[in-house]
Amino acid sequence: MRTSLQAVALWGQKAPPHSITAIMITDDQRTIVTGSQEGQLCLWNLSHELKIAAKELLFGHSASVTCLARARDFSKQPYIVSANFVLLRFLKLMLYL
């Protein structure tokens, strides 16, 4: 039986250091998602006045996040796909098999 663990960290007014390596914005332009060199994903709220506030920090990658993309129609199911160089290299190899 395979189990998985998802860790989520929440904070107050300031986010911890986060070296951005990938970035995307949702279609409604209210949420920014960043991937970091530390292997974290960060969700940011974007106000109409273009003020950015950190919302959540997600852990799970063991290497730098190099790719972010919407998995589906974000307004219906807000799923983001993230990958790192090791995973992308594996996927590229699988395409040629």
PDB file of N, CA and C in Angstrom:
ATOM      1  N   MET A   1       0.840  -1.183   0.000  1.00  0.00           N
ATOM      2  CA  MET A   1       0.000   0.000   0.000  1.00  0.00           C
ATOM      3  C   MET A   1       0.886   1.248   0.000  1.00  0.00           C
ATOM      4  N   ARG A   2       0.641   2.119  -0.932  1.00  0.00           N
ATOM      5  CA  ARG A   2       1.432   3.335  -1.046  1.00  0.00           C
ATOM      6  C   ARG A   2       0.699   4.478  -0.354  1.00  0.00           C
ATOM      7  N   THR A   3       1.399   5.206   0.485  1.00  0.00           N
ATOM      8  CA  THR A   3       0.813   6.361   1.154  1.00  0.00           C
ATOM      9  C   THR A   3       1.597   7.604   0.777  1.00  0.00           C
ATOM     10  N   SER A   4       0.949   8.728   0.876  1.00  0.00           N
ATOM     11  CA  SER A   4       1.634   9.988   0.591  1.00  0.00           C
ATOM     12  C   SER A   4       1.338  10.971   1.714  1.00  0.00           C
ATOM     13  N   LEU A   5       2.229  11.927   1.863  1.00  0.00           N
ATOM     14  CA  LEU A   5       2.114  12.927   2.903  1.00  0.00           C
ATOM     15  C   LEU A   5       2.224  14.293   2.251  1.00  0.00           C
ATOM     16  N   GLN A   6       1.284  15.160   2.526  1.00  0.00           N
ATOM     17  CA  GLN A   6       1.311  16.514   1.983  1.00  0.00           C
ATOM     18  C   GLN A   6       1.469  17.484   3.136  1.00  0.00           C
ATOM     19  N   ALA A   7       2.533  18.273   3.085  1.00  0.00           N
ATOM     20  CA  ALA A   7       2.789  19.254   4.137  1.00  0.00           C
ATOM     21  C   ALA A   7       2.463  20.644   3.623  1.00  0.00           C
ATOM     22  N   VAL A   8       1.782  21.426   4.437  1.00  0.00           N
ATOM     23  CA  VAL A   8       1.424  22.790   4.084  1.00  0.00           C
ATOM     24  C   VAL A   8       1.828  23.689   5.243  1.00  0.00           C
ATOM     25  N   ALA A   9       2.468  24.803   4.923  1.00  0.00           N
ATOM     26  CA  ALA A   9       2.860  25.768   5.953  1.00  0.00           C
ATOM     27  C   ALA A   9       2.140  27.084   5.689  1.00  0.00           C
ATOM     28  N   LEU A  10       1.586  27.674   6.709  1.00  0.00           N
ATOM     29  CA  LEU A  10       0.910  28.963   6.612  1.00  0.00           C
ATOM     30  C   LEU A  10       1.673  29.958   7.474  1.00  0.00           C
ATOM     31  N   TRP A  11       1.649  31.235   7.088  1.00  0.00           N
ATOM     32  CA  TRP A  11       2.370  32.233   7.856  1.00  0.00           C
ATOM     33  C   TRP A  11       1.571  33.517   7.912  1.00  0.00           C
ATOM     34  N   GLY A  12       2.116  34.508   8.596  1.00  0.00           N
ATOM     35  CA  GLY A  12       1.433  35.784   8.781  1.00  0.00           C
ATOM     36  C   GLY A  12       1.703  36.776   7.667  1.00  0.00           C
ATOM     37  N   GLN A  13       2.237  37.939   8.007  1.00  0.00           N
ATOM     38  CA  GLN A  13       2.414  39.040   7.059  1.00  0.00           C
ATOM     39  C   GLN A  13       3.545  38.822   6.052  1.00  0.00           C
ATOM     40  N   LYS A  14       4.599  38.083   6.402  1.00  0.00           N
ATOM     41  CA  LYS A  14       5.745  37.911   5.518  1.00  0.00           C
ATOM     42  C   LYS A  14       6.006  36.440   5.218  1.00  0.00           C
ATOM     43  N   ALA A  15       6.351  36.174   3.972  1.00  0.00           N
ATOM     44  CA  ALA A  15       6.707  34.804   3.577  1.00  0.00           C
ATOM     45  C   ALA A  15       8.191  34.573   3.859  1.00  0.00           C
ATOM     46  N   PRO A  16       8.593  33.320   4.073  1.00  0.00           N
ATOM     47  CA  PRO A  16      10.017  33.026   4.242  1.00  0.00           C
ATOM     48  C   PRO A  16      10.764  33.226   2.922  1.00  0.00           C
ATOM     49  N   PRO A  17      12.106  33.261   2.946  1.00  0.00           N
ATOM     50  CA  PRO A  17      12.868  33.400   1.699  1.00  0.00           C
ATOM     51  C   PRO A  17      12.454  32.324   0.685  1.00  0.00           C
ATOM     52  N   HIS A  18      12.398  32.723  -0.588  1.00  0.00           N
ATOM     53  CA  HIS A  18      11.873  31.857  -1.639  1.00  0.00           C
ATOM     54  C   HIS A  18      12.541  32.280  -2.953  1.00  0.00           C
ATOM     55  N   SER A  19      13.545  31.529  -3.417  1.00  0.00           N
ATOM     56  CA  SER A  19      14.282  31.866  -4.647  1.00  0.00           C
ATOM     57  C   SER A  19      13.487  31.383  -5.855  1.00  0.00           C
ATOM     58  N   ILE A  20      12.812  32.287  -6.536  1.00  0.00           N
ATOM     59  CA  ILE A  20      11.872  31.938  -7.601  1.00  0.00           C
ATOM     60  C   ILE A  20      12.589  31.434  -8.859  1.00  0.00           C
ATOM     61  N   THR A  21      12.134  30.271  -9.341  1.00  0.00           N
ATOM     62  CA  THR A  21      12.674  29.679 -10.566  1.00  0.00           C
ATOM     63  C   THR A  21      11.590  29.473 -11.620  1.00  0.00           C
ATOM     64  N   ALA A  22      10.323  29.541 -11.246  1.00  0.00           N
ATOM     65  CA  ALA A  22       9.202  29.383 -12.175  1.00  0.00           C
ATOM     66  C   ALA A  22       8.039  30.211 -11.644  1.00  0.00           C
ATOM     67  N   ILE A  23       7.245  30.756 -12.568  1.00  0.00           N
ATOM     68  CA  ILE A  23       6.128  31.604 -12.143  1.00  0.00           C
ATOM     69  C   ILE A  23       4.974  31.475 -13.135  1.00  0.00           C
ATOM     70  N   MET A  24       3.757  31.549 -12.631  1.00  0.00           N
ATOM     71  CA  MET A  24       2.566  31.594 -13.476  1.00  0.00           C
ATOM     72  C   MET A  24       1.482  32.381 -12.753  1.00  0.00           C
ATOM     73  N   ILE A  25       0.539  32.907 -13.522  1.00  0.00           N
ATOM     74  CA  ILE A  25      -0.593  33.626 -12.952  1.00  0.00           C
ATOM     75  C   ILE A  25      -1.866  32.963 -13.463  1.00  0.00           C
ATOM     76  N   THR A  26      -2.869  32.904 -12.618  1.00  0.00           N
ATOM     77  CA  THR A  26      -4.126  32.260 -13.010  1.00  0.00           C
ATOM     78  C   THR A  26      -4.893  33.157 -13.983  1.00  0.00           C
ATOM     79  N   ASP A  27      -5.846  32.555 -14.692  1.00  0.00           N
ATOM     80  CA  ASP A  27      -6.624  33.291 -15.690  1.00  0.00           C
ATOM     81  C   ASP A  27      -7.376  34.483 -15.103  1.00  0.00           C
ATOM     82  N   ASP A  28      -7.843  34.348 -13.865  1.00  0.00           N
ATOM     83  CA  ASP A  28      -8.579  35.453 -13.241  1.00  0.00           C
ATOM     84  C   ASP A  28      -7.638  36.531 -12.696  1.00  0.00           C
ATOM     85  N   GLN A  29      -6.351  36.314 -12.791  1.00  0.00           N
ATOM     86  CA  GLN A  29      -5.304  37.245 -12.359  1.00  0.00           C
ATOM     87  C   GLN A  29      -5.420  37.622 -10.892  1.00  0.00           C
ATOM     88  N   ARG A  30      -5.868  36.672 -10.073  1.00  0.00           N
ATOM     89  CA  ARG A  30      -5.985  36.907  -8.631  1.00  0.00           C
ATOM     90  C   ARG A  30      -4.974  36.087  -7.838  1.00  0.00           C
ATOM     91  N   THR A  31      -4.383  35.074  -8.477  1.00  0.00           N
ATOM     92  CA  THR A  31      -3.427  34.209  -7.792  1.00  0.00           C
ATOM     93  C   THR A  31      -2.172  34.052  -8.644  1.00  0.00           C
ATOM     94  N   ILE A  32      -1.021  34.211  -8.006  1.00  0.00           N
ATOM     95  CA  ILE A  32       0.265  33.940  -8.638  1.00  0.00           C
ATOM     96  C   ILE A  32       0.823  32.691  -7.974  1.00  0.00           C
ATOM     97  N   VAL A  33       1.395  31.809  -8.766  1.00  0.00           N
ATOM     98  CA  VAL A  33       2.042  30.602  -8.252  1.00  0.00           C
ATOM     99  C   VAL A  33       3.507  30.679  -8.633  1.00  0.00           C
ATOM    100  N   THR A  34       4.380  30.473  -7.656  1.00  0.00           N
ATOM    101  CA  THR A  34       5.813  30.462  -7.934  1.00  0.00           C
ATOM    102  C   THR A  34       6.421  29.142  -7.468  1.00  0.00           C
ATOM    103  N   GLY A  35       7.413  28.688  -8.211  1.00  0.00           N
ATOM    104  CA  GLY A  35       8.218  27.545  -7.813  1.00  0.00           C
ATOM    105  C   GLY A  35       9.584  28.072  -7.414  1.00  0.00           C
ATOM    106  N   SER A  36      10.265  27.358  -6.523  1.00  0.00           N
ATOM    107  CA  SER A  36      11.523  27.886  -6.012  1.00  0.00           C
ATOM    108  C   SER A  36      12.685  26.913  -6.191  1.00  0.00           C
ATOM    109  N   GLN A  37      13.871  27.471  -6.055  1.00  0.00           N
ATOM    110  CA  GLN A  37      15.097  26.677  -6.088  1.00  0.00           C
ATOM    111  C   GLN A  37      15.125  25.692  -4.920  1.00  0.00           C
ATOM    112  N   GLU A  38      14.451  26.024  -3.834  1.00  0.00           N
ATOM    113  CA  GLU A  38      14.396  25.164  -2.650  1.00  0.00           C
ATOM    114  C   GLU A  38      13.392  24.018  -2.790  1.00  0.00           C
ATOM    115  N   GLY A  39      12.665  23.964  -3.910  1.00  0.00           N
ATOM    116  CA  GLY A  39      11.703  22.888  -4.148  1.00  0.00           C
ATOM    117  C   GLY A  39      10.320  23.163  -3.599  1.00  0.00           C
ATOM    118  N   GLN A  40      10.017  24.417  -3.301  1.00  0.00           N
ATOM    119  CA  GLN A  40       8.719  24.784  -2.746  1.00  0.00           C
ATOM    120  C   GLN A  40       7.840  25.416  -3.824  1.00  0.00           C
ATOM    121  N   LEU A  41       6.541  25.350  -3.603  1.00  0.00           N
ATOM    122  CA  LEU A  41       5.576  26.123  -4.380  1.00  0.00           C
ATOM    123  C   LEU A  41       4.973  27.152  -3.439  1.00  0.00           C
ATOM    124  N   CYS A  42       4.775  28.349  -3.935  1.00  0.00           N
ATOM    125  CA  CYS A  42       4.176  29.398  -3.114  1.00  0.00           C
ATOM    126  C   CYS A  42       2.978  29.970  -3.851  1.00  0.00           C
ATOM    127  N   LEU A  43       1.865  30.113  -3.140  1.00  0.00           N
ATOM    128  CA  LEU A  43       0.663  30.749  -3.682  1.00  0.00           C
ATOM    129  C   LEU A  43       0.590  32.163  -3.130  1.00  0.00           C
ATOM    130  N   TRP A  44       0.322  33.115  -4.022  1.00  0.00           N
ATOM    131  CA  TRP A  44       0.272  34.535  -3.655  1.00  0.00           C
ATOM    132  C   TRP A  44      -1.075  35.106  -4.082  1.00  0.00           C
ATOM    133  N   ASN A  45      -1.671  35.939  -3.232  1.00  0.00           N
ATOM    134  CA  ASN A  45      -2.871  36.684  -3.606  1.00  0.00           C
ATOM    135  C   ASN A  45      -2.440  37.964  -4.298  1.00  0.00           C
ATOM    136  N   LEU A  46      -3.123  38.320  -5.382  1.00  0.00           N
ATOM    137  CA  LEU A  46      -2.853  39.558  -6.109  1.00  0.00           C
ATOM    138  C   LEU A  46      -4.114  40.405  -6.075  1.00  0.00           C
ATOM    139  N   SER A  47      -4.029  41.602  -5.481  1.00  0.00           N
ATOM    140  CA  SER A  47      -5.194  42.480  -5.359  1.00  0.00           C
ATOM    141  C   SER A  47      -5.386  43.293  -6.639  1.00  0.00           C
ATOM    142  N   HIS A  48      -6.525  43.951  -6.736  1.00  0.00           N
ATOM    143  CA  HIS A  48      -6.801  44.817  -7.884  1.00  0.00           C
ATOM    144  C   HIS A  48      -5.830  45.995  -7.933  1.00  0.00           C
ATOM    145  N   GLU A  49      -5.269  46.355  -6.775  1.00  0.00           N
ATOM    146  CA  GLU A  49      -4.283  47.437  -6.704  1.00  0.00           C
ATOM    147  C   GLU A  49      -2.872  46.931  -6.992  1.00  0.00           C
ATOM    148  N   LEU A  50      -2.763  45.652  -7.413  1.00  0.00           N
ATOM    149  CA  LEU A  50      -1.496  44.983  -7.727  1.00  0.00           C
ATOM    150  C   LEU A  50      -0.593  44.808  -6.513  1.00  0.00           C
ATOM    151  N   LYS A  51      -1.203  44.658  -5.349  1.00  0.00           N
ATOM    152  CA  LYS A  51      -0.451  44.327  -4.139  1.00  0.00           C
ATOM    153  C   LYS A  51      -0.405  42.816  -4.007  1.00  0.00           C
ATOM    154  N   ILE A  52       0.769  42.293  -3.685  1.00  0.00           N
ATOM    155  CA  ILE A  52       0.957  40.845  -3.586  1.00  0.00           C
ATOM    156  C   ILE A  52       1.098  40.463  -2.114  1.00  0.00           C
ATOM    157  N   ALA A  53       0.360  39.432  -1.706  1.00  0.00           N
ATOM    158  CA  ALA A  53       0.431  38.928  -0.337  1.00  0.00           C
ATOM    159  C   ALA A  53       0.590  37.410  -0.373  1.00  0.00           C
ATOM    160  N   ALA A  54       1.569  36.906   0.362  1.00  0.00           N
ATOM    161  CA  ALA A  54       1.804  35.466   0.423  1.00  0.00           C
ATOM    162  C   ALA A  54       0.617  34.778   1.071  1.00  0.00           C
ATOM    163  N   LYS A  55       0.255  33.613   0.529  1.00  0.00           N
ATOM    164  CA  LYS A  55      -0.913  32.883   1.015  1.00  0.00           C
ATOM    165  C   LYS A  55      -0.526  31.534   1.614  1.00  0.00           C
ATOM    166  N   GLU A  56       0.164  30.689   0.836  1.00  0.00           N
ATOM    167  CA  GLU A  56       0.547  29.354   1.299  1.00  0.00           C
ATOM    168  C   GLU A  56       1.909  28.973   0.732  1.00  0.00           C
ATOM    169  N   LEU A  57       2.617  28.158   1.471  1.00  0.00           N
ATOM    170  CA  LEU A  57       3.885  27.594   1.023  1.00  0.00           C
ATOM    171  C   LEU A  57       3.741  26.080   1.050  1.00  0.00           C
ATOM    172  N   LEU A  58       3.946  25.437  -0.096  1.00  0.00           N
ATOM    173  CA  LEU A  58       3.766  23.992  -0.231  1.00  0.00           C
ATOM    174  C   LEU A  58       5.119  23.320  -0.445  1.00  0.00           C
ATOM    175  N   PHE A  59       5.356  22.229   0.239  1.00  0.00           N
ATOM    176  CA  PHE A  59       6.606  21.487   0.134  1.00  0.00           C
ATOM    177  C   PHE A  59       6.342  20.154  -0.564  1.00  0.00           C
ATOM    178  N   GLY A  60       7.335  19.610  -1.241  1.00  0.00           N
ATOM    179  CA  GLY A  60       7.161  18.311  -1.864  1.00  0.00           C
ATOM    180  C   GLY A  60       8.235  17.960  -2.868  1.00  0.00           C
ATOM    181  N   HIS A  61       8.810  18.950  -3.530  1.00  0.00           N
ATOM    182  CA  HIS A  61       9.870  18.667  -4.502  1.00  0.00           C
ATOM    183  C   HIS A  61      11.201  18.474  -3.779  1.00  0.00           C
ATOM    184  N   SER A  62      12.009  17.578  -4.302  1.00  0.00           N
ATOM    185  CA  SER A  62      13.341  17.362  -3.733  1.00  0.00           C
ATOM    186  C   SER A  62      14.406  18.119  -4.516  1.00  0.00           C
ATOM    187  N   ALA A  63      14.001  18.854  -5.555  1.00  0.00           N
ATOM    188  CA  ALA A  63      14.922  19.646  -6.368  1.00  0.00           C
ATOM    189  C   ALA A  63      14.213  20.937  -6.777  1.00  0.00           C
ATOM    190  N   SER A  64      14.940  21.819  -7.428  1.00  0.00           N
ATOM    191  CA  SER A  64      14.412  23.095  -7.876  1.00  0.00           C
ATOM    192  C   SER A  64      13.220  22.911  -8.820  1.00  0.00           C
ATOM    193  N   VAL A  65      12.158  23.673  -8.612  1.00  0.00           N
ATOM    194  CA  VAL A  65      10.985  23.626  -9.479  1.00  0.00           C
ATOM    195  C   VAL A  65      11.316  24.397 -10.760  1.00  0.00           C
ATOM    196  N   THR A  66      11.168  23.757 -11.916  1.00  0.00           N
ATOM    197  CA  THR A  66      11.531  24.398 -13.181  1.00  0.00           C
ATOM    198  C   THR A  66      10.342  24.618 -14.104  1.00  0.00           C
ATOM    199  N   CYS A  67       9.160  24.099 -13.752  1.00  0.00           N
ATOM    200  CA  CYS A  67       8.020  24.187 -14.658  1.00  0.00           C
ATOM    201  C   CYS A  67       6.719  24.248 -13.864  1.00  0.00           C
ATOM    202  N   LEU A  68       5.823  25.140 -14.262  1.00  0.00           N
ATOM    203  CA  LEU A  68       4.479  25.247 -13.694  1.00  0.00           C
ATOM    204  C   LEU A  68       3.479  25.361 -14.835  1.00  0.00           C
ATOM    205  N   ALA A  69       2.330  24.688 -14.707  1.00  0.00           N
ATOM    206  CA  ALA A  69       1.294  24.768 -15.734  1.00  0.00           C
ATOM    207  C   ALA A  69      -0.054  24.430 -15.124  1.00  0.00           C
ATOM    208  N   ARG A  70      -1.113  24.961 -15.733  1.00  0.00           N
ATOM    209  CA  ARG A  70      -2.465  24.599 -15.308  1.00  0.00           C
ATOM    210  C   ARG A  70      -2.754  23.178 -15.772  1.00  0.00           C
ATOM    211  N   ALA A  71      -3.347  22.378 -14.910  1.00  0.00           N
ATOM    212  CA  ALA A  71      -3.695  21.011 -15.274  1.00  0.00           C
ATOM    213  C   ALA A  71      -5.065  20.937 -15.928  1.00  0.00           C
ATOM    214  N   ARG A  72      -5.952  21.856 -15.597  1.00  0.00           N
ATOM    215  CA  ARG A  72      -7.327  21.883 -16.110  1.00  0.00           C
ATOM    216  C   ARG A  72      -7.808  23.321 -16.162  1.00  0.00           C
ATOM    217  N   ASP A  73      -9.077  23.488 -16.474  1.00  0.00           N
ATOM    218  CA  ASP A  73      -9.703  24.796 -16.415  1.00  0.00           C
ATOM    219  C   ASP A  73      -9.647  25.259 -14.953  1.00  0.00           C
ATOM    220  N   PHE A  74      -8.829  26.263 -14.680  1.00  0.00           N
ATOM    221  CA  PHE A  74      -8.550  26.664 -13.302  1.00  0.00           C
ATOM    222  C   PHE A  74      -9.798  27.159 -12.573  1.00  0.00           C
ATOM    223  N   SER A  75     -10.742  27.752 -13.283  1.00  0.00           N
ATOM    224  CA  SER A  75     -11.947  28.259 -12.619  1.00  0.00           C
ATOM    225  C   SER A  75     -12.830  27.126 -12.105  1.00  0.00           C
ATOM    226  N   LYS A  76     -12.754  25.949 -12.747  1.00  0.00           N
ATOM    227  CA  LYS A  76     -13.566  24.811 -12.325  1.00  0.00           C
ATOM    228  C   LYS A  76     -12.816  23.908 -11.350  1.00  0.00           C
ATOM    229  N   GLN A  77     -11.560  23.633 -11.634  1.00  0.00           N
ATOM    230  CA  GLN A  77     -10.725  22.795 -10.765  1.00  0.00           C
ATOM    231  C   GLN A  77      -9.327  23.393 -10.723  1.00  0.00           C
ATOM    232  N   PRO A  78      -8.999  24.102  -9.651  1.00  0.00           N
ATOM    233  CA  PRO A  78      -7.723  24.824  -9.590  1.00  0.00           C
ATOM    234  C   PRO A  78      -6.516  23.922  -9.305  1.00  0.00           C
ATOM    235  N   TYR A  79      -6.110  23.145 -10.315  1.00  0.00           N
ATOM    236  CA  TYR A  79      -4.965  22.261 -10.175  1.00  0.00           C
ATOM    237  C   TYR A  79      -3.777  22.807 -10.954  1.00  0.00           C
ATOM    238  N   ILE A  80      -2.611  22.779 -10.319  1.00  0.00           N
ATOM    239  CA  ILE A  80      -1.365  23.208 -10.950  1.00  0.00           C
ATOM    240  C   ILE A  80      -0.440  22.004 -11.023  1.00  0.00           C
ATOM    241  N   VAL A  81       0.226  21.836 -12.162  1.00  0.00           N
ATOM    242  CA  VAL A  81       1.232  20.790 -12.323  1.00  0.00           C
ATOM    243  C   VAL A  81       2.596  21.450 -12.175  1.00  0.00           C
ATOM    244  N   SER A  82       3.459  20.838 -11.382  1.00  0.00           N
ATOM    245  CA  SER A  82       4.815  21.359 -11.223  1.00  0.00           C
ATOM    246  C   SER A  82       5.806  20.230 -11.480  1.00  0.00           C
ATOM    247  N   ALA A  83       6.984  20.618 -11.954  1.00  0.00           N
ATOM    248  CA  ALA A  83       8.002  19.618 -12.260  1.00  0.00           C
ATOM    249  C   ALA A  83       9.379  20.219 -12.006  1.00  0.00           C
ATOM    250  N   ASN A  84      10.368  19.334 -11.931  1.00  0.00           N
ATOM    251  CA  ASN A  84      11.750  19.784 -11.829  1.00  0.00           C
ATOM    252  C   ASN A  84      12.541  19.186 -12.986  1.00  0.00           C
ATOM    253  N   PHE A  85      13.793  19.561 -13.124  1.00  0.00           N
ATOM    254  CA  PHE A  85      14.604  19.156 -14.270  1.00  0.00           C
ATOM    255  C   PHE A  85      14.710  17.637 -14.386  1.00  0.00           C
ATOM    256  N   VAL A  86      14.851  16.943 -13.273  1.00  0.00           N
ATOM    257  CA  VAL A  86      14.977  15.484 -13.301  1.00  0.00           C
ATOM    258  C   VAL A  86      13.712  14.864 -13.882  1.00  0.00           C
ATOM    259  N   LEU A  87      12.543  15.333 -13.451  1.00  0.00           N
ATOM    260  CA  LEU A  87      11.273  14.818 -13.954  1.00  0.00           C
ATOM    261  C   LEU A  87      11.078  15.157 -15.424  1.00  0.00           C
ATOM    262  N   LEU A  88      11.420  16.379 -15.831  1.00  0.00           N
ATOM    263  CA  LEU A  88      11.274  16.770 -17.230  1.00  0.00           C
ATOM    264  C   LEU A  88      12.167  15.938 -18.134  1.00  0.00           C
ATOM    265  N   ARG A  89      13.385  15.654 -17.690  1.00  0.00           N
ATOM    266  CA  ARG A  89      14.303  14.831 -18.470  1.00  0.00           C
ATOM    267  C   ARG A  89      13.730  13.419 -18.635  1.00  0.00           C
ATOM    268  N   PHE A  90      13.122  12.885 -17.579  1.00  0.00           N
ATOM    269  CA  PHE A  90      12.498  11.568 -17.628  1.00  0.00           C
ATOM    270  C   PHE A  90      11.325  11.566 -18.609  1.00  0.00           C
ATOM    271  N   LEU A  91      10.480  12.590 -18.554  1.00  0.00           N
ATOM    272  CA  LEU A  91       9.328  12.669 -19.449  1.00  0.00           C
ATOM    273  C   LEU A  91       9.770  12.790 -20.908  1.00  0.00           C
ATOM    274  N   LYS A  92      10.827  13.561 -21.160  1.00  0.00           N
ATOM    275  CA  LYS A  92      11.343  13.696 -22.521  1.00  0.00           C
ATOM    276  C   LYS A  92      11.850  12.344 -23.033  1.00  0.00           C
ATOM    277  N   LEU A  93      12.524  11.602 -22.177  1.00  0.00           N
ATOM    278  CA  LEU A  93      13.009  10.280 -22.548  1.00  0.00           C
ATOM    279  C   LEU A  93      11.845   9.358 -22.873  1.00  0.00           C
ATOM    280  N   MET A  94      10.767   9.409 -22.095  1.00  0.00           N
ATOM    281  CA  MET A  94       9.613   8.553 -22.315  1.00  0.00           C
ATOM    282  C   MET A  94       8.924   8.869 -23.650  1.00  0.00           C
ATOM    283  N   LEU A  95       8.981  10.092 -24.102  1.00  0.00           N
ATOM    284  CA  LEU A  95       8.370  10.461 -25.377  1.00  0.00           C
ATOM    285  C   LEU A  95       9.053   9.796 -26.560  1.00  0.00           C
ATOM    286  N   TYR A  96      10.346   9.492 -26.418  1.00  0.00           N
ATOM    287  CA  TYR A  96      11.107   8.899 -27.515  1.00  0.00           C
ATOM    288  C   TYR A  96      11.071   7.373 -27.517  1.00  0.00           C
ATOM    289  N   LEU A  97      10.463   6.765 -26.494  1.00  0.00           N
ATOM    290  CA  LEU A  97      10.393   5.293 -26.434  1.00  0.00           C
ATOM    291  C   LEU A  97       9.239   4.746 -27.242  1.00  0.00           C
TER     292      LEU A  97
END
